[in-house]
Structures are given as structure tokens and as C-alpha cells.
């Protein structure tokens, strides 16, 4: 669920999710940022693999 409202596409949803995680990292402190980057990289990899799975 995004705090930015309903995204227009799945790609925008991913962008908003990563933005929210980075914002959370800035609020929670430097320890949260590496975790956010790792999570964001996993999300990005998942999105890319989904693109290749489509027929």
C-alpha cells in the first residue's frame, strides 16, 4: 500500500515503494539505509525477472 495514493502502473508502484523505504531509512537513521537498499535491490530484481517471465 502506498502513501502516495493509487499508482497508475506497476512500475510506478515499485518507484513509490522504494521512495517510501528510503524516506523511512532517513527517519530511522543510518542503520536502516543499507537494509532499505538491499530490500530495494531485491524488489528491483523481482520486477526485472517478472518482465522476462511475461509472454
N, C-alpha and C. Protein backbone atom coordinates (compact mmCIF):
# COMPACT_ATOMS: atom_id res chain seq x y z
N UNK A 1 0.85 -1.20 0.00
CA UNK A 1 0.00 0.00 0.00
C UNK A 1 0.88 1.24 0.00
N UNK A 2 0.59 2.15 -0.85
CA UNK A 2 1.42 3.34 -0.99
C UNK A 2 0.77 4.54 -0.29
N UNK A 3 1.61 5.36 0.34
CA UNK A 3 1.10 6.59 0.96
C UNK A 3 0.84 7.67 -0.09
N UNK A 4 1.26 7.40 -1.35
CA UNK A 4 1.10 8.38 -2.41
C UNK A 4 -0.21 8.22 -3.16
N UNK A 5 -1.09 7.32 -2.71
CA UNK A 5 -2.33 7.08 -3.42
C UNK A 5 -2.16 5.93 -4.40
N UNK A 6 -3.16 5.70 -5.23
CA UNK A 6 -3.13 4.59 -6.17
C UNK A 6 -2.18 4.89 -7.33
N UNK A 7 -1.17 4.06 -7.54
CA UNK A 7 -0.27 4.28 -8.67
C UNK A 7 -0.95 3.94 -9.99
N UNK A 8 -0.47 4.56 -11.06
CA UNK A 8 -1.07 4.34 -12.38
C UNK A 8 -0.60 3.03 -13.00
N UNK A 9 0.59 2.57 -12.62
CA UNK A 9 1.12 1.35 -13.21
C UNK A 9 1.96 0.62 -12.17
N UNK A 10 2.29 -0.64 -12.48
CA UNK A 10 3.11 -1.43 -11.56
C UNK A 10 4.50 -0.81 -11.41
N UNK A 11 5.04 -0.26 -12.49
CA UNK A 11 6.35 0.39 -12.44
C UNK A 11 6.35 1.56 -11.48
N UNK A 12 5.30 2.36 -11.52
CA UNK A 12 5.20 3.48 -10.59
C UNK A 12 5.05 2.99 -9.16
N UNK A 13 4.35 1.88 -8.97
CA UNK A 13 4.18 1.33 -7.64
C UNK A 13 5.54 0.97 -7.05
N UNK A 14 6.40 0.34 -7.86
CA UNK A 14 7.74 -0.03 -7.40
C UNK A 14 8.52 1.22 -7.00
N UNK A 15 8.44 2.26 -7.82
CA UNK A 15 9.16 3.50 -7.54
C UNK A 15 8.69 4.10 -6.22
N UNK A 16 7.39 4.12 -5.99
CA UNK A 16 6.86 4.67 -4.75
C UNK A 16 7.28 3.84 -3.54
N UNK A 17 7.29 2.51 -3.69
CA UNK A 17 7.70 1.66 -2.58
C UNK A 17 9.14 1.94 -2.19
N UNK A 18 10.03 2.05 -3.17
CA UNK A 18 11.44 2.31 -2.89
C UNK A 18 11.58 3.69 -2.27
N UNK A 19 10.85 4.68 -2.77
CA UNK A 19 10.91 6.03 -2.21
C UNK A 19 10.49 6.02 -0.74
N UNK A 20 9.44 5.27 -0.42
CA UNK A 20 8.98 5.20 0.96
C UNK A 20 10.02 4.54 1.86
N UNK A 21 10.67 3.49 1.35
CA UNK A 21 11.70 2.82 2.13
C UNK A 21 12.87 3.76 2.40
N UNK A 22 13.30 4.50 1.39
CA UNK A 22 14.41 5.43 1.57
C UNK A 22 14.02 6.54 2.54
N UNK A 23 12.79 7.01 2.47
CA UNK A 23 12.31 8.02 3.40
C UNK A 23 12.32 7.45 4.82
N UNK A 24 11.86 6.21 4.95
CA UNK A 24 11.89 5.56 6.26
C UNK A 24 13.31 5.42 6.78
N UNK A 25 14.26 5.11 5.90
CA UNK A 25 15.66 4.99 6.30
C UNK A 25 16.20 6.32 6.81
N UNK A 26 15.80 7.41 6.17
CA UNK A 26 16.26 8.73 6.60
C UNK A 26 15.70 9.07 7.98
N UNK A 27 14.48 8.61 8.25
CA UNK A 27 13.85 8.88 9.55
C UNK A 27 14.44 7.98 10.64
N UNK A 28 14.65 6.70 10.32
CA UNK A 28 15.09 5.73 11.32
C UNK A 28 16.57 5.81 11.63
N UNK A 29 17.35 6.36 10.72
CA UNK A 29 18.77 6.50 10.97
C UNK A 29 19.62 5.72 9.98
N UNK A 30 20.92 5.91 10.05
CA UNK A 30 21.82 5.33 9.05
C UNK A 30 21.79 3.80 9.01
N UNK A 31 21.49 3.15 10.12
CA UNK A 31 21.46 1.69 10.15
C UNK A 31 20.38 1.11 9.26
N UNK A 32 19.31 1.87 9.04
CA UNK A 32 18.19 1.37 8.24
C UNK A 32 18.45 1.51 6.74
N UNK A 33 19.38 2.37 6.35
CA UNK A 33 19.59 2.63 4.92
C UNK A 33 20.16 1.42 4.19
N UNK A 34 21.20 0.74 4.70
CA UNK A 34 21.66 -0.46 3.99
C UNK A 34 20.57 -1.51 3.84
N UNK A 35 19.77 -1.70 4.86
CA UNK A 35 18.66 -2.66 4.78
C UNK A 35 17.67 -2.23 3.70
N UNK A 36 17.40 -0.93 3.62
CA UNK A 36 16.49 -0.42 2.59
C UNK A 36 17.06 -0.63 1.20
N UNK A 37 18.35 -0.43 1.05
CA UNK A 37 18.98 -0.63 -0.26
C UNK A 37 18.94 -2.09 -0.67
N UNK A 38 19.21 -2.99 0.27
CA UNK A 38 19.15 -4.43 -0.02
C UNK A 38 17.73 -4.82 -0.41
N UNK A 39 16.75 -4.33 0.36
CA UNK A 39 15.35 -4.64 0.06
C UNK A 39 14.97 -4.07 -1.31
N UNK A 40 15.39 -2.83 -1.57
CA UNK A 40 15.08 -2.19 -2.85
C UNK A 40 15.70 -2.94 -4.02
N UNK A 41 16.94 -3.43 -3.84
CA UNK A 41 17.59 -4.20 -4.90
C UNK A 41 16.82 -5.49 -5.15
N UNK A 42 16.35 -6.13 -4.09
CA UNK A 42 15.55 -7.35 -4.24
C UNK A 42 14.25 -7.07 -4.98
N UNK A 43 13.61 -5.95 -4.66
CA UNK A 43 12.37 -5.57 -5.36
C UNK A 43 12.65 -5.31 -6.83
N UNK A 44 13.75 -4.62 -7.12
CA UNK A 44 14.09 -4.31 -8.50
C UNK A 44 14.37 -5.59 -9.27
N UNK A 45 15.13 -6.50 -8.68
CA UNK A 45 15.42 -7.78 -9.33
C UNK A 45 14.13 -8.55 -9.59
N UNK A 46 13.23 -8.54 -8.62
CA UNK A 46 11.93 -9.21 -8.80
C UNK A 46 11.13 -8.61 -9.94
N UNK A 47 11.15 -7.29 -10.05
CA UNK A 47 10.41 -6.62 -11.12
C UNK A 47 11.01 -6.96 -12.48
N UNK A 48 12.33 -6.99 -12.55
CA UNK A 48 13.00 -7.32 -13.81
C UNK A 48 12.70 -8.76 -14.20
N UNK A 49 12.78 -9.68 -13.25
CA UNK A 49 12.50 -11.08 -13.57
C UNK A 49 11.04 -11.27 -14.00
N UNK A 50 10.13 -10.49 -13.42
CA UNK A 50 8.72 -10.55 -13.84
C UNK A 50 8.57 -10.14 -15.30
N UNK A 51 9.32 -9.13 -15.72
CA UNK A 51 9.25 -8.66 -17.10
C UNK A 51 9.67 -9.79 -18.05
N UNK A 52 10.75 -10.50 -17.69
CA UNK A 52 11.24 -11.56 -18.56
C UNK A 52 10.34 -12.79 -18.56
N UNK A 53 9.54 -12.96 -17.51
CA UNK A 53 8.63 -14.11 -17.44
C UNK A 53 7.39 -13.92 -18.31
N UNK A 54 7.06 -12.68 -18.64
CA UNK A 54 5.85 -12.41 -19.42
C UNK A 54 5.98 -12.96 -20.83
N UNK A 55 4.86 -13.42 -21.37
CA UNK A 55 4.86 -13.96 -22.74
C UNK A 55 4.26 -12.95 -23.70
